[in-house]
């Protein structure tokens, strides 16, 4: 398999794809390569998925490999577990992360623990795909950002691409992993832009973050749809003479402690950006990592720009809930001028 870094694009073998198209292409590549690969979920077959992530795949690979399931998230995950421990490589689609809660027991009790419970006699090589996040004006329970529920679950990896290249590469890496991987796909980024994506097979290493912008004054840490917010804020801060370094975590568990430590030790300041609720968010764990690895380098307290401690509101108030570049710039100025 060709291992590519996010900066290594081969011009003659790339296509301009959106994030959702890159996800589709990654599944197509793996379905062609490995007959053990099966996709199952609600409306993934005939309709091609609610966001068209699986569009055209049932026509290419048949109903036995692209399986429309009943409306039962617990049933989808439970079936995928059985397939995985019996030699298949299932990809289970949950239509929205907010719909995953009926399957939480299956994930917490079985998906993440079977390797330990069986002393590695059984592994669970399955992928769970779940669109998440606000910003597309969806109804209630469609816009949750509850990644912390799964990063607190040893035994399952959690990844979150922010762009098309990483989306395909992380998906392929997840599908080849011997253990379960949850892929959180930011719905706001599904069709936000196009990017050159290699046509063939490549992977992005799980557990490694990426510096998407180098800087010297403050480190911005984000993932998913918040990466673009961080980039906008960094550009606005640049106009005020402040140099921002941006980390796209890409993997939320296991988190890349080294990239965080090295960047914050260099810049001596940190702003964490996530759309999940303020209390209990992944930002708290990142604060702990910084305290463990870079506390004596800090010139200012760590700032967190997050969603608020309320359920994600209906679409009329959605934009007021989400972090904005203006709020991030305020946080940047706060730590720089502390």
C-alpha atoms as a PDB file:
ATOM      1  CA  UNK A   1       0.000   0.000   0.000  1.00  0.00           C
ATOM      2  CA  UNK A   2       1.240   3.455  -0.850  1.00  0.00           C
ATOM      3  CA  UNK A   3       1.791   5.579   2.246  1.00  0.00           C
ATOM      4  CA  UNK A   4       1.342   9.267   1.465  1.00  0.00           C
ATOM      5  CA  UNK A   5       1.631  12.314   3.645  1.00  0.00           C
ATOM      6  CA  UNK A   6      -1.003  14.996   3.267  1.00  0.00           C
ATOM      7  CA  UNK A   7       1.384  17.133   1.199  1.00  0.00           C
ATOM      8  CA  UNK A   8       2.334  14.427  -1.276  1.00  0.00           C
ATOM      9  CA  UNK A   9      -0.150  14.663  -4.148  1.00  0.00           C
ATOM     10  CA  UNK A  10       0.662  12.940  -7.404  1.00  0.00           C
ATOM     11  CA  UNK A  11      -0.699  15.133 -10.144  1.00  0.00           C
ATOM     12  CA  UNK A  12      -1.280  12.392 -12.692  1.00  0.00           C
ATOM     13  CA  UNK A  13      -3.353  10.217 -10.333  1.00  0.00           C
ATOM     14  CA  UNK A  14      -5.470  12.747  -8.471  1.00  0.00           C
ATOM     15  CA  UNK A  15      -9.095  13.828  -8.706  1.00  0.00           C
ATOM     16  CA  UNK A  16     -10.787  16.934  -7.384  1.00  0.00           C
ATOM     17  CA  UNK A  17     -13.170  15.575  -4.756  1.00  0.00           C
ATOM     18  CA  UNK A  18     -15.354  16.855  -1.954  1.00  0.00           C
ATOM     19  CA  UNK A  19     -15.040  15.215   1.444  1.00  0.00           C
ATOM     20  CA  UNK A  20     -18.135  13.051   0.902  1.00  0.00           C
ATOM     21  CA  UNK A  21     -16.868  11.979  -2.527  1.00  0.00           C
ATOM     22  CA  UNK A  22     -13.521  11.055  -0.965  1.00  0.00           C
ATOM     23  CA  UNK A  23     -15.323   8.866   1.584  1.00  0.00           C
ATOM     24  CA  UNK A  24     -17.224   7.179  -1.244  1.00  0.00           C
ATOM     25  CA  UNK A  25     -14.014   6.647  -3.202  1.00  0.00           C
ATOM     26  CA  UNK A  26     -12.246   5.152  -0.204  1.00  0.00           C
ATOM     27  CA  UNK A  27     -15.005   2.618   0.332  1.00  0.00           C
ATOM     28  CA  UNK A  28     -15.007   1.766  -3.382  1.00  0.00           C
ATOM     29  CA  UNK A  29     -11.263   1.105  -3.309  1.00  0.00           C
ATOM     30  CA  UNK A  30     -11.551  -1.231  -0.344  1.00  0.00           C
ATOM     31  CA  UNK A  31     -14.640  -3.017  -1.633  1.00  0.00           C
ATOM     32  CA  UNK A  32     -12.730  -3.787  -4.825  1.00  0.00           C
ATOM     33  CA  UNK A  33      -9.620  -4.967  -2.997  1.00  0.00           C
ATOM     34  CA  UNK A  34     -11.128  -7.055  -0.184  1.00  0.00           C
ATOM     35  CA  UNK A  35     -14.197  -9.240  -0.666  1.00  0.00           C
ATOM     36  CA  UNK A  36     -14.629  -9.383   3.103  1.00  0.00           C
ATOM     37  CA  UNK A  37     -15.676  -5.715   3.109  1.00  0.00           C
ATOM     38  CA  UNK A  38     -19.416  -5.198   3.679  1.00  0.00           C
ATOM     39  CA  UNK A  39     -21.318  -1.950   4.167  1.00  0.00           C
ATOM     40  CA  UNK A  40     -24.513  -1.958   6.222  1.00  0.00           C
ATOM     41  CA  UNK A  41     -26.828   0.789   7.378  1.00  0.00           C
ATOM     42  CA  UNK A  42     -30.110   2.559   6.852  1.00  0.00           C
ATOM     43  CA  UNK A  43     -30.672   3.540   3.196  1.00  0.00           C
ATOM     44  CA  UNK A  44     -27.043   2.883   2.240  1.00  0.00           C
ATOM     45  CA  UNK A  45     -27.978   0.695  -0.725  1.00  0.00           C
ATOM     46  CA  UNK A  46     -30.734   1.727  -3.087  1.00  0.00           C
ATOM     47  CA  UNK A  47     -30.729   5.378  -1.992  1.00  0.00           C
ATOM     48  CA  UNK A  48     -26.955   5.670  -1.609  1.00  0.00           C
ATOM     49  CA  UNK A  49     -27.161   7.012   1.935  1.00  0.00           C
ATOM     50  CA  UNK A  50     -28.761  10.144   3.338  1.00  0.00           C
ATOM     51  CA  UNK A  51     -25.704  12.192   2.240  1.00  0.00           C
ATOM     52  CA  UNK A  52     -25.000   9.962  -0.797  1.00  0.00           C
ATOM     53  CA  UNK A  53     -21.819   8.596   0.795  1.00  0.00           C
ATOM     54  CA  UNK A  54     -22.530   5.138  -0.637  1.00  0.00           C
ATOM     55  CA  UNK A  55     -24.052   6.306  -3.917  1.00  0.00           C
ATOM     56  CA  UNK A  56     -23.477   3.828  -6.734  1.00  0.00           C
ATOM     57  CA  UNK A  57     -21.811   1.199  -4.581  1.00  0.00           C
ATOM     58  CA  UNK A  58     -24.727  -1.225  -4.449  1.00  0.00           C
ATOM     59  CA  UNK A  59     -24.949  -1.164  -8.235  1.00  0.00           C
ATOM     60  CA  UNK A  60     -21.220  -1.970  -8.427  1.00  0.00           C
ATOM     61  CA  UNK A  61     -20.980  -4.607  -5.686  1.00  0.00           C
ATOM     62  CA  UNK A  62     -24.485  -5.961  -5.183  1.00  0.00           C
ATOM     63  CA  UNK A  63     -27.036  -6.206  -2.398  1.00  0.00           C
ATOM     64  CA  UNK A  64     -25.072  -8.860  -0.506  1.00  0.00           C
ATOM     65  CA  UNK A  65     -22.231  -6.409   0.171  1.00  0.00           C
ATOM     66  CA  UNK A  66     -24.109  -3.090   0.397  1.00  0.00           C
ATOM     67  CA  UNK A  67     -26.928  -3.984   2.765  1.00  0.00           C
ATOM     68  CA  UNK A  68     -29.968  -1.874   3.621  1.00  0.00           C
ATOM     69  CA  UNK A  69     -30.854  -2.555   7.254  1.00  0.00           C
ATOM     70  CA  UNK A  70     -33.939  -1.973   9.411  1.00  0.00           C
ATOM     71  CA  UNK A  71     -34.089   1.252  11.433  1.00  0.00           C
ATOM     72  CA  UNK A  72     -32.175  -0.101  14.417  1.00  0.00           C
ATOM     73  CA  UNK A  73     -28.805   1.344  15.335  1.00  0.00           C
ATOM     74  CA  UNK A  74     -28.278  -1.316  18.009  1.00  0.00           C
ATOM     75  CA  UNK A  75     -29.079  -3.946  15.397  1.00  0.00           C
ATOM     76  CA  UNK A  76     -26.671  -2.425  12.849  1.00  0.00           C
ATOM     77  CA  UNK A  77     -23.771  -2.378  15.313  1.00  0.00           C
ATOM     78  CA  UNK A  78     -24.634  -5.774  16.777  1.00  0.00           C
ATOM     79  CA  UNK A  79     -24.721  -7.320  13.310  1.00  0.00           C
ATOM     80  CA  UNK A  80     -21.408  -5.664  12.420  1.00  0.00           C
ATOM     81  CA  UNK A  81     -19.815  -7.130  15.542  1.00  0.00           C
ATOM     82  CA  UNK A  82     -20.906 -10.621  14.528  1.00  0.00           C
ATOM     83  CA  UNK A  83     -19.576 -10.117  11.025  1.00  0.00           C
ATOM     84  CA  UNK A  84     -16.255  -8.734  12.278  1.00  0.00           C
ATOM     85  CA  UNK A  85     -15.473 -11.583  14.682  1.00  0.00           C
ATOM     86  CA  UNK A  86     -16.296 -14.077  11.939  1.00  0.00           C
ATOM     87  CA  UNK A  87     -13.827 -12.843   9.364  1.00  0.00           C
ATOM     88  CA  UNK A  88     -15.611  -9.965   7.604  1.00  0.00           C
ATOM     89  CA  UNK A  89     -14.595  -6.278   7.527  1.00  0.00           C
ATOM     90  CA  UNK A  90     -17.886  -4.434   8.046  1.00  0.00           C
ATOM     91  CA  UNK A  91     -18.469  -0.695   7.673  1.00  0.00           C
ATOM     92  CA  UNK A  92     -21.518   0.339   9.687  1.00  0.00           C
ATOM     93  CA  UNK A  93     -23.086   3.672   8.801  1.00  0.00           C
ATOM     94  CA  UNK A  94     -25.019   5.594  11.452  1.00  0.00           C
ATOM     95  CA  UNK A  95     -27.001   8.290   9.663  1.00  0.00           C
ATOM     96  CA  UNK A  96     -26.214  10.968  12.283  1.00  0.00           C
ATOM     97  CA  UNK A  97     -24.063  10.792  15.405  1.00  0.00           C
ATOM     98  CA  UNK A  98     -27.120  11.794  17.417  1.00  0.00           C
ATOM     99  CA  UNK A  99     -28.762   8.524  16.364  1.00  0.00           C
ATOM    100  CA  UNK A 100     -25.954   6.383  17.771  1.00  0.00           C
ATOM    101  CA  UNK A 101     -27.141   6.392  21.373  1.00  0.00           C
ATOM    102  CA  UNK A 102     -29.329   3.246  21.085  1.00  0.00           C
ATOM    103  CA  UNK A 103     -26.140   1.470  19.910  1.00  0.00           C
ATOM    104  CA  UNK A 104     -23.975   2.884  22.684  1.00  0.00           C
ATOM    105  CA  UNK A 105     -24.373  -0.220  24.830  1.00  0.00           C
ATOM    106  CA  UNK A 106     -23.179  -2.440  21.987  1.00  0.00           C
ATOM    107  CA  UNK A 107     -20.157  -0.198  21.384  1.00  0.00           C
ATOM    108  CA  UNK A 108     -19.198   0.243  25.039  1.00  0.00           C
ATOM    109  CA  UNK A 109     -19.897  -3.331  26.156  1.00  0.00           C
ATOM    110  CA  UNK A 110     -18.839  -5.374  23.133  1.00  0.00           C
ATOM    111  CA  UNK A 111     -17.108  -3.473  20.300  1.00  0.00           C
ATOM    112  CA  UNK A 112     -14.427  -1.945  22.530  1.00  0.00           C
ATOM    113  CA  UNK A 113     -13.964  -4.921  24.887  1.00  0.00           C
ATOM    114  CA  UNK A 114     -14.033  -8.133  22.861  1.00  0.00           C
ATOM    115  CA  UNK A 115     -10.272  -8.200  22.281  1.00  0.00           C
ATOM    116  CA  UNK A 116      -9.608  -7.860  26.009  1.00  0.00           C
ATOM    117  CA  UNK A 117     -12.421 -10.213  27.013  1.00  0.00           C
ATOM    118  CA  UNK A 118     -11.164 -12.967  24.719  1.00  0.00           C
ATOM    119  CA  UNK A 119      -7.469 -12.286  25.455  1.00  0.00           C
ATOM    120  CA  UNK A 120      -7.026 -11.397  21.755  1.00  0.00           C
ATOM    121  CA  UNK A 121      -8.600 -14.618  20.504  1.00  0.00           C
ATOM    122  CA  UNK A 122     -11.150 -12.372  18.802  1.00  0.00           C
ATOM    123  CA  UNK A 123     -10.684  -8.908  17.347  1.00  0.00           C
ATOM    124  CA  UNK A 124     -13.347  -6.575  16.000  1.00  0.00           C
ATOM    125  CA  UNK A 125     -12.014  -5.130  12.714  1.00  0.00           C
ATOM    126  CA  UNK A 126     -15.000  -2.898  11.971  1.00  0.00           C
ATOM    127  CA  UNK A 127     -15.529   0.732  11.063  1.00  0.00           C
ATOM    128  CA  UNK A 128     -18.401   2.895  12.268  1.00  0.00           C
ATOM    129  CA  UNK A 129     -19.088   5.994  10.153  1.00  0.00           C
ATOM    130  CA  UNK A 130     -21.112   8.799  11.730  1.00  0.00           C
ATOM    131  CA  UNK A 131     -21.795  12.292  10.330  1.00  0.00           C
ATOM    132  CA  UNK A 132     -21.672  14.813  13.165  1.00  0.00           C
ATOM    133  CA  UNK A 133     -21.794  18.485  14.047  1.00  0.00           C
ATOM    134  CA  UNK A 134     -23.907  21.559  13.499  1.00  0.00           C
ATOM    135  CA  UNK A 135     -24.040  24.091  10.719  1.00  0.00           C
ATOM    136  CA  UNK A 136     -26.282  22.430   8.112  1.00  0.00           C
ATOM    137  CA  UNK A 137     -29.611  23.456   9.702  1.00  0.00           C
ATOM    138  CA  UNK A 138     -30.725  19.935  10.492  1.00  0.00           C
ATOM    139  CA  UNK A 139     -33.520  19.065  12.967  1.00  0.00           C
ATOM    140  CA  UNK A 140     -33.029  18.242  16.649  1.00  0.00           C
ATOM    141  CA  UNK A 141     -30.627  15.371  17.554  1.00  0.00           C
ATOM    142  CA  UNK A 142     -29.034  15.602  14.085  1.00  0.00           C
ATOM    143  CA  UNK A 143     -26.232  18.029  15.031  1.00  0.00           C
ATOM    144  CA  UNK A 144     -24.646  16.615  18.186  1.00  0.00           C
ATOM    145  CA  UNK A 145     -20.890  16.714  18.788  1.00  0.00           C
ATOM    146  CA  UNK A 146     -20.492  14.107  21.526  1.00  0.00           C
ATOM    147  CA  UNK A 147     -17.102  12.685  20.589  1.00  0.00           C
ATOM    148  CA  UNK A 148     -16.045  12.617  24.249  1.00  0.00           C
ATOM    149  CA  UNK A 149     -18.391   9.663  24.847  1.00  0.00           C
ATOM    150  CA  UNK A 150     -16.152   7.539  22.634  1.00  0.00           C
ATOM    151  CA  UNK A 151     -12.705   8.959  23.411  1.00  0.00           C
ATOM    152  CA  UNK A 152     -13.382   7.797  26.984  1.00  0.00           C
ATOM    153  CA  UNK A 153     -13.740   4.217  25.743  1.00  0.00           C
ATOM    154  CA  UNK A 154     -10.409   2.333  25.532  1.00  0.00           C
ATOM    155  CA  UNK A 155     -10.486  -0.274  22.780  1.00  0.00           C
ATOM    156  CA  UNK A 156     -11.920   1.852  19.985  1.00  0.00           C
ATOM    157  CA  UNK A 157     -10.039   4.486  18.002  1.00  0.00           C
ATOM    158  CA  UNK A 158     -11.760   7.758  17.054  1.00  0.00           C
ATOM    159  CA  UNK A 159     -10.757   9.775  13.983  1.00  0.00           C
ATOM    160  CA  UNK A 160     -12.146  13.002  12.556  1.00  0.00           C
ATOM    161  CA  UNK A 161     -11.001  14.270   9.131  1.00  0.00           C
ATOM    162  CA  UNK A 162     -11.413  17.914   8.221  1.00  0.00           C
ATOM    163  CA  UNK A 163     -10.668  17.668   4.482  1.00  0.00           C
ATOM    164  CA  UNK A 164     -11.106  15.277   1.528  1.00  0.00           C
ATOM    165  CA  UNK A 165      -7.511  13.976   1.419  1.00  0.00           C
ATOM    166  CA  UNK A 166      -7.464  13.018   5.078  1.00  0.00           C
ATOM    167  CA  UNK A 167     -11.008  11.626   4.877  1.00  0.00           C
ATOM    168  CA  UNK A 168     -10.085   8.973   2.313  1.00  0.00           C
ATOM    169  CA  UNK A 169      -6.702   8.210   3.870  1.00  0.00           C
ATOM    170  CA  UNK A 170      -8.064   7.838   7.390  1.00  0.00           C
ATOM    171  CA  UNK A 171     -10.971   5.723   6.147  1.00  0.00           C
ATOM    172  CA  UNK A 172      -8.634   3.271   4.409  1.00  0.00           C
ATOM    173  CA  UNK A 173      -6.383   3.147   7.482  1.00  0.00           C
ATOM    174  CA  UNK A 174      -9.444   2.460   9.640  1.00  0.00           C
ATOM    175  CA  UNK A 175     -10.648  -0.318   7.338  1.00  0.00           C
ATOM    176  CA  UNK A 176      -7.261  -2.028   7.565  1.00  0.00           C
ATOM    177  CA  UNK A 177      -6.987  -1.666  11.326  1.00  0.00           C
ATOM    178  CA  UNK A 178      -7.388  -4.915  13.298  1.00  0.00           C
ATOM    179  CA  UNK A 179      -9.442  -3.071  15.909  1.00  0.00           C
ATOM    180  CA  UNK A 180     -12.625  -0.974  15.727  1.00  0.00           C
ATOM    181  CA  UNK A 181     -12.495   2.624  14.524  1.00  0.00           C
ATOM    182  CA  UNK A 182     -15.170   5.306  14.759  1.00  0.00           C
ATOM    183  CA  UNK A 183     -14.979   7.896  11.971  1.00  0.00           C
ATOM    184  CA  UNK A 184     -16.661  11.199  12.772  1.00  0.00           C
ATOM    185  CA  UNK A 185     -17.395  13.056   9.540  1.00  0.00           C
ATOM    186  CA  UNK A 186     -18.131  16.799   9.863  1.00  0.00           C
ATOM    187  CA  UNK A 187     -21.319  17.353   7.886  1.00  0.00           C
ATOM    188  CA  UNK A 188     -20.542  21.048   7.445  1.00  0.00           C
ATOM    189  CA  UNK A 189     -17.432  20.061   5.473  1.00  0.00           C
ATOM    190  CA  UNK A 190     -19.052  17.382   3.297  1.00  0.00           C
ATOM    191  CA  UNK A 191     -19.347  19.664   0.263  1.00  0.00           C
ATOM    192  CA  UNK A 192     -17.572  22.780   1.519  1.00  0.00           C
ATOM    193  CA  UNK A 193     -14.649  22.512  -0.926  1.00  0.00           C
ATOM    194  CA  UNK A 194     -12.810  20.242  -3.334  1.00  0.00           C
ATOM    195  CA  UNK A 195      -9.245  19.027  -3.008  1.00  0.00           C
ATOM    196  CA  UNK A 196      -6.849  16.860  -4.968  1.00  0.00           C
ATOM    197  CA  UNK A 197      -7.218  13.270  -3.779  1.00  0.00           C
ATOM    198  CA  UNK A 198      -5.166  10.328  -5.129  1.00  0.00           C
ATOM    199  CA  UNK A 199      -7.308   7.929  -7.156  1.00  0.00           C
ATOM    200  CA  UNK A 200      -5.736   4.775  -5.771  1.00  0.00           C
ATOM    201  CA  UNK A 201      -5.074   3.394  -2.343  1.00  0.00           C
ATOM    202  CA  UNK A 202      -3.203   5.346   0.324  1.00  0.00           C
ATOM    203  CA  UNK A 203      -3.526   5.814   4.054  1.00  0.00           C
ATOM    204  CA  UNK A 204      -3.179   8.553   6.649  1.00  0.00           C
ATOM    205  CA  UNK A 205      -1.720   7.222   9.882  1.00  0.00           C
ATOM    206  CA  UNK A 206      -4.180   7.018  12.757  1.00  0.00           C
ATOM    207  CA  UNK A 207      -2.900   8.740  15.888  1.00  0.00           C
ATOM    208  CA  UNK A 208      -0.980  11.515  14.113  1.00  0.00           C
ATOM    209  CA  UNK A 209      -2.037  15.148  13.976  1.00  0.00           C
ATOM    210  CA  UNK A 210      -0.968  17.663  11.320  1.00  0.00           C
ATOM    211  CA  UNK A 211       0.371  21.208  11.375  1.00  0.00           C
ATOM    212  CA  UNK A 212      -1.773  23.023   8.811  1.00  0.00           C
ATOM    213  CA  UNK A 213      -0.279  26.448   9.454  1.00  0.00           C
ATOM    214  CA  UNK A 214       3.060  27.290  11.050  1.00  0.00           C
ATOM    215  CA  UNK A 215       3.291  30.118  13.543  1.00  0.00           C
ATOM    216  CA  UNK A 216       5.238  31.417  16.531  1.00  0.00           C
ATOM    217  CA  UNK A 217       2.931  33.285  18.946  1.00  0.00           C
ATOM    218  CA  UNK A 218       0.030  30.945  19.775  1.00  0.00           C
ATOM    219  CA  UNK A 219      -1.078  27.374  19.004  1.00  0.00           C
ATOM    220  CA  UNK A 220      -4.647  26.802  17.807  1.00  0.00           C
ATOM    221  CA  UNK A 221      -5.872  23.217  18.281  1.00  0.00           C
ATOM    222  CA  UNK A 222      -8.957  22.064  16.377  1.00  0.00           C
ATOM    223  CA  UNK A 223     -10.520  19.190  14.431  1.00  0.00           C
ATOM    224  CA  UNK A 224     -13.346  18.613  11.993  1.00  0.00           C
ATOM    225  CA  UNK A 225     -15.284  21.683  10.909  1.00  0.00           C
ATOM    226  CA  UNK A 226     -13.477  23.840  13.454  1.00  0.00           C
ATOM    227  CA  UNK A 227     -10.199  23.657  11.510  1.00  0.00           C
ATOM    228  CA  UNK A 228     -11.523  26.097   8.911  1.00  0.00           C
ATOM    229  CA  UNK A 229     -12.724  28.392  11.716  1.00  0.00           C
ATOM    230  CA  UNK A 230      -9.221  28.289  13.187  1.00  0.00           C
ATOM    231  CA  UNK A 231      -7.751  29.135   9.759  1.00  0.00           C
ATOM    232  CA  UNK A 232     -10.032  32.153   9.359  1.00  0.00           C
ATOM    233  CA  UNK A 233      -9.171  33.348  12.859  1.00  0.00           C
ATOM    234  CA  UNK A 234      -5.444  32.874  12.218  1.00  0.00           C
ATOM    235  CA  UNK A 235      -5.661  35.024   9.108  1.00  0.00           C
ATOM    236  CA  UNK A 236      -7.507  37.750  11.027  1.00  0.00           C
ATOM    237  CA  UNK A 237      -4.932  37.548  13.826  1.00  0.00           C
ATOM    238  CA  UNK A 238      -2.137  37.775  11.249  1.00  0.00           C
ATOM    239  CA  UNK A 239      -3.559  41.104  10.140  1.00  0.00           C
ATOM    240  CA  UNK A 240      -3.102  42.249  13.754  1.00  0.00           C
ATOM    241  CA  UNK A 241       0.499  41.100  13.865  1.00  0.00           C
ATOM    242  CA  UNK A 242      -0.083  37.797  15.676  1.00  0.00           C
ATOM    243  CA  UNK A 243       1.405  34.576  14.259  1.00  0.00           C
ATOM    244  CA  UNK A 244      -0.746  31.482  14.830  1.00  0.00           C
ATOM    245  CA  UNK A 245       0.206  27.831  14.467  1.00  0.00           C
ATOM    246  CA  UNK A 246      -2.730  25.480  13.747  1.00  0.00           C
ATOM    247  CA  UNK A 247      -2.914  21.810  14.672  1.00  0.00           C
ATOM    248  CA  UNK A 248      -5.536  19.617  13.020  1.00  0.00           C
ATOM    249  CA  UNK A 249      -5.684  16.696  15.452  1.00  0.00           C
ATOM    250  CA  UNK A 250      -7.262  14.280  12.888  1.00  0.00           C
ATOM    251  CA  UNK A 251      -7.285  11.514  15.523  1.00  0.00           C
ATOM    252  CA  UNK A 252      -9.152  12.163  18.769  1.00  0.00           C
ATOM    253  CA  UNK A 253      -8.173   8.844  20.362  1.00  0.00           C
ATOM    254  CA  UNK A 254      -5.353   7.972  20.681  1.00  0.00           C
ATOM    255  CA  UNK A 255      -4.507  11.659  20.632  1.00  0.00           C
ATOM    256  CA  UNK A 256      -1.162  12.918  19.308  1.00  0.00           C
ATOM    257  CA  UNK A 257       0.423  14.221  22.503  1.00  0.00           C
ATOM    258  CA  UNK A 258       3.785  14.923  20.858  1.00  0.00           C
ATOM    259  CA  UNK A 259       2.496  17.378  18.263  1.00  0.00           C
ATOM    260  CA  UNK A 260       0.624  19.310  20.956  1.00  0.00           C
ATOM    261  CA  UNK A 261       3.607  19.395  23.305  1.00  0.00           C
ATOM    262  CA  UNK A 262       6.114  20.473  20.652  1.00  0.00           C
ATOM    263  CA  UNK A 263       3.901  23.245  19.301  1.00  0.00           C
ATOM    264  CA  UNK A 264       2.907  24.712  22.666  1.00  0.00           C
ATOM    265  CA  UNK A 265       6.493  24.562  23.935  1.00  0.00           C
ATOM    266  CA  UNK A 266       7.408  26.638  20.876  1.00  0.00           C
ATOM    267  CA  UNK A 267       4.583  29.185  20.912  1.00  0.00           C
ATOM    268  CA  UNK A 268       4.050  29.264  24.724  1.00  0.00           C
ATOM    269  CA  UNK A 269       0.306  29.878  24.320  1.00  0.00           C
ATOM    270  CA  UNK A 270      -2.678  27.723  23.363  1.00  0.00           C
ATOM    271  CA  UNK A 271      -6.290  28.150  22.239  1.00  0.00           C
ATOM    272  CA  UNK A 272      -8.464  25.042  21.880  1.00  0.00           C
ATOM    273  CA  UNK A 273     -11.489  25.177  19.563  1.00  0.00           C
ATOM    274  CA  UNK A 274     -14.322  22.632  19.490  1.00  0.00           C
ATOM    275  CA  UNK A 275     -18.046  22.777  18.875  1.00  0.00           C
ATOM    276  CA  UNK A 276     -18.922  20.283  21.599  1.00  0.00           C
ATOM    277  CA  UNK A 277     -20.264  21.567  24.905  1.00  0.00           C
ATOM    278  CA  UNK A 278     -17.830  23.430  27.148  1.00  0.00           C
ATOM    279  CA  UNK A 279     -18.257  21.141  30.145  1.00  0.00           C
ATOM    280  CA  UNK A 280     -16.794  17.689  29.652  1.00  0.00           C
ATOM    281  CA  UNK A 281     -15.473  18.397  26.150  1.00  0.00           C
ATOM    282  CA  UNK A 282     -12.292  16.930  24.683  1.00  0.00           C
ATOM    283  CA  UNK A 283     -10.676  20.308  25.259  1.00  0.00           C
ATOM    284  CA  UNK A 284     -10.373  19.375  28.933  1.00  0.00           C
ATOM    285  CA  UNK A 285      -8.149  16.411  28.057  1.00  0.00           C
ATOM    286  CA  UNK A 286      -6.027  18.625  25.810  1.00  0.00           C
ATOM    287  CA  UNK A 287      -5.585  21.096  28.674  1.00  0.00           C
ATOM    288  CA  UNK A 288      -4.331  18.191  30.791  1.00  0.00           C
ATOM    289  CA  UNK A 289      -1.891  17.128  28.065  1.00  0.00           C
ATOM    290  CA  UNK A 290      -0.516  20.673  27.856  1.00  0.00           C
ATOM    291  CA  UNK A 291      -0.204  20.855  31.633  1.00  0.00           C
ATOM    292  CA  UNK A 292       1.664  17.537  31.636  1.00  0.00           C
ATOM    293  CA  UNK A 293       4.026  18.372  28.775  1.00  0.00           C
ATOM    294  CA  UNK A 294       4.350  22.149  28.447  1.00  0.00           C
ATOM    295  CA  UNK A 295       3.137  23.810  31.636  1.00  0.00           C
ATOM    296  CA  UNK A 296       6.440  25.491  32.439  1.00  0.00           C
ATOM    297  CA  UNK A 297       6.568  26.983  28.930  1.00  0.00           C
ATOM    298  CA  UNK A 298       3.184  28.734  29.168  1.00  0.00           C
ATOM    299  CA  UNK A 299       3.032  32.514  29.221  1.00  0.00           C
ATOM    300  CA  UNK A 300      -0.765  32.604  29.658  1.00  0.00           C
ATOM    301  CA  UNK A 301      -3.611  30.366  30.806  1.00  0.00           C
ATOM    302  CA  UNK A 302      -4.983  28.055  28.111  1.00  0.00           C
ATOM    303  CA  UNK A 303      -8.106  29.385  26.401  1.00  0.00           C
ATOM    304  CA  UNK A 304     -11.041  27.238  25.198  1.00  0.00           C
ATOM    305  CA  UNK A 305     -13.520  28.408  22.544  1.00  0.00           C
ATOM    306  CA  UNK A 306     -16.402  25.933  22.476  1.00  0.00           C
ATOM    307  CA  UNK A 307     -20.108  25.367  22.113  1.00  0.00           C
ATOM    308  CA  UNK A 308     -22.306  26.259  25.051  1.00  0.00           C
ATOM    309  CA  UNK A 309     -23.678  23.981  27.767  1.00  0.00           C
ATOM    310  CA  UNK A 310     -27.080  23.602  26.131  1.00  0.00           C
ATOM    311  CA  UNK A 311     -28.489  21.083  23.653  1.00  0.00           C
ATOM    312  CA  UNK A 312     -27.559  22.085  20.110  1.00  0.00           C
ATOM    313  CA  UNK A 313     -30.389  24.523  19.301  1.00  0.00           C
ATOM    314  CA  UNK A 314     -32.772  24.498  16.377  1.00  0.00           C
ATOM    315  CA  UNK A 315     -31.394  25.878  13.127  1.00  0.00           C
ATOM    316  CA  UNK A 316     -32.585  29.466  13.729  1.00  0.00           C
ATOM    317  CA  UNK A 317     -30.080  29.714  16.622  1.00  0.00           C
ATOM    318  CA  UNK A 318     -27.503  27.267  15.338  1.00  0.00           C
ATOM    319  CA  UNK A 319     -24.961  29.853  14.231  1.00  0.00           C
ATOM    320  CA  UNK A 320     -25.098  31.503  17.667  1.00  0.00           C
ATOM    321  CA  UNK A 321     -24.129  28.190  19.264  1.00  0.00           C
ATOM    322  CA  UNK A 322     -21.131  27.392  17.076  1.00  0.00           C
ATOM    323  CA  UNK A 323     -17.689  28.931  17.692  1.00  0.00           C
ATOM    324  CA  UNK A 324     -16.951  31.730  15.222  1.00  0.00           C
ATOM    325  CA  UNK A 325     -13.667  33.141  13.979  1.00  0.00           C
ATOM    326  CA  UNK A 326     -14.465  36.348  15.901  1.00  0.00           C
ATOM    327  CA  UNK A 327     -14.714  34.416  19.176  1.00  0.00           C
ATOM    328  CA  UNK A 328     -11.466  32.627  18.389  1.00  0.00           C
ATOM    329  CA  UNK A 329      -9.688  35.920  17.671  1.00  0.00           C
ATOM    330  CA  UNK A 330     -10.861  37.201  21.059  1.00  0.00           C
ATOM    331  CA  UNK A 331      -9.319  34.115  22.653  1.00  0.00           C
ATOM    332  CA  UNK A 332      -6.099  34.623  20.720  1.00  0.00           C
ATOM    333  CA  UNK A 333      -5.804  38.231  21.812  1.00  0.00           C
ATOM    334  CA  UNK A 334      -6.598  37.258  25.399  1.00  0.00           C
ATOM    335  CA  UNK A 335      -3.663  34.833  25.645  1.00  0.00           C
ATOM    336  CA  UNK A 336      -1.247  37.009  23.650  1.00  0.00           C
ATOM    337  CA  UNK A 337      -1.930  40.113  25.757  1.00  0.00           C
ATOM    338  CA  UNK A 338      -2.231  38.311  29.106  1.00  0.00           C
END
